[in-house]
């Protein structure tokens, strides 16, 4: 199965929790480094045939697909991106995953291909990577799923 990977990237005031330790320039550099890592991992996965960036503006040097984030909130933007990128199975992989590996992405694409949808939560049980293969599915980010 061939997949499109959508990578949301929010440059404005990125990682504000680090503002007491890193300057805005250092945080921006960290954000870009993490994004580059995620994009590099995705590019190594044979099942990923397209990588799309969801951001307010294209990143310098980005050559693949760009979907504009109009600042309506992540849930609304993801819904819009799903509509824009419809046609192929789609996964969402957030840009701040420093430990992401090719094996992680291959495992989630395999699980989603078999079950129709796969979610990989972070340590707080919030979904951080999503994959869906054509079934109706509504993304909602933010509050941990277990609390809903």
Foldseek 3Di string as FASTA:
>chain_A
DAEEEEEEAELPCPPVVCVVPDPSVRRSVLLVVLQVVVVVQLVPAPRYPFYEYEYCDDDPPDDGHYDHDPPPDDQVSVVVVCVVPPDFKYKYAYSRDNPDHNVVVVVQVVVCVVVQKDFDADPQQWTRMIIGGDDDDGDDGDDHPVVD
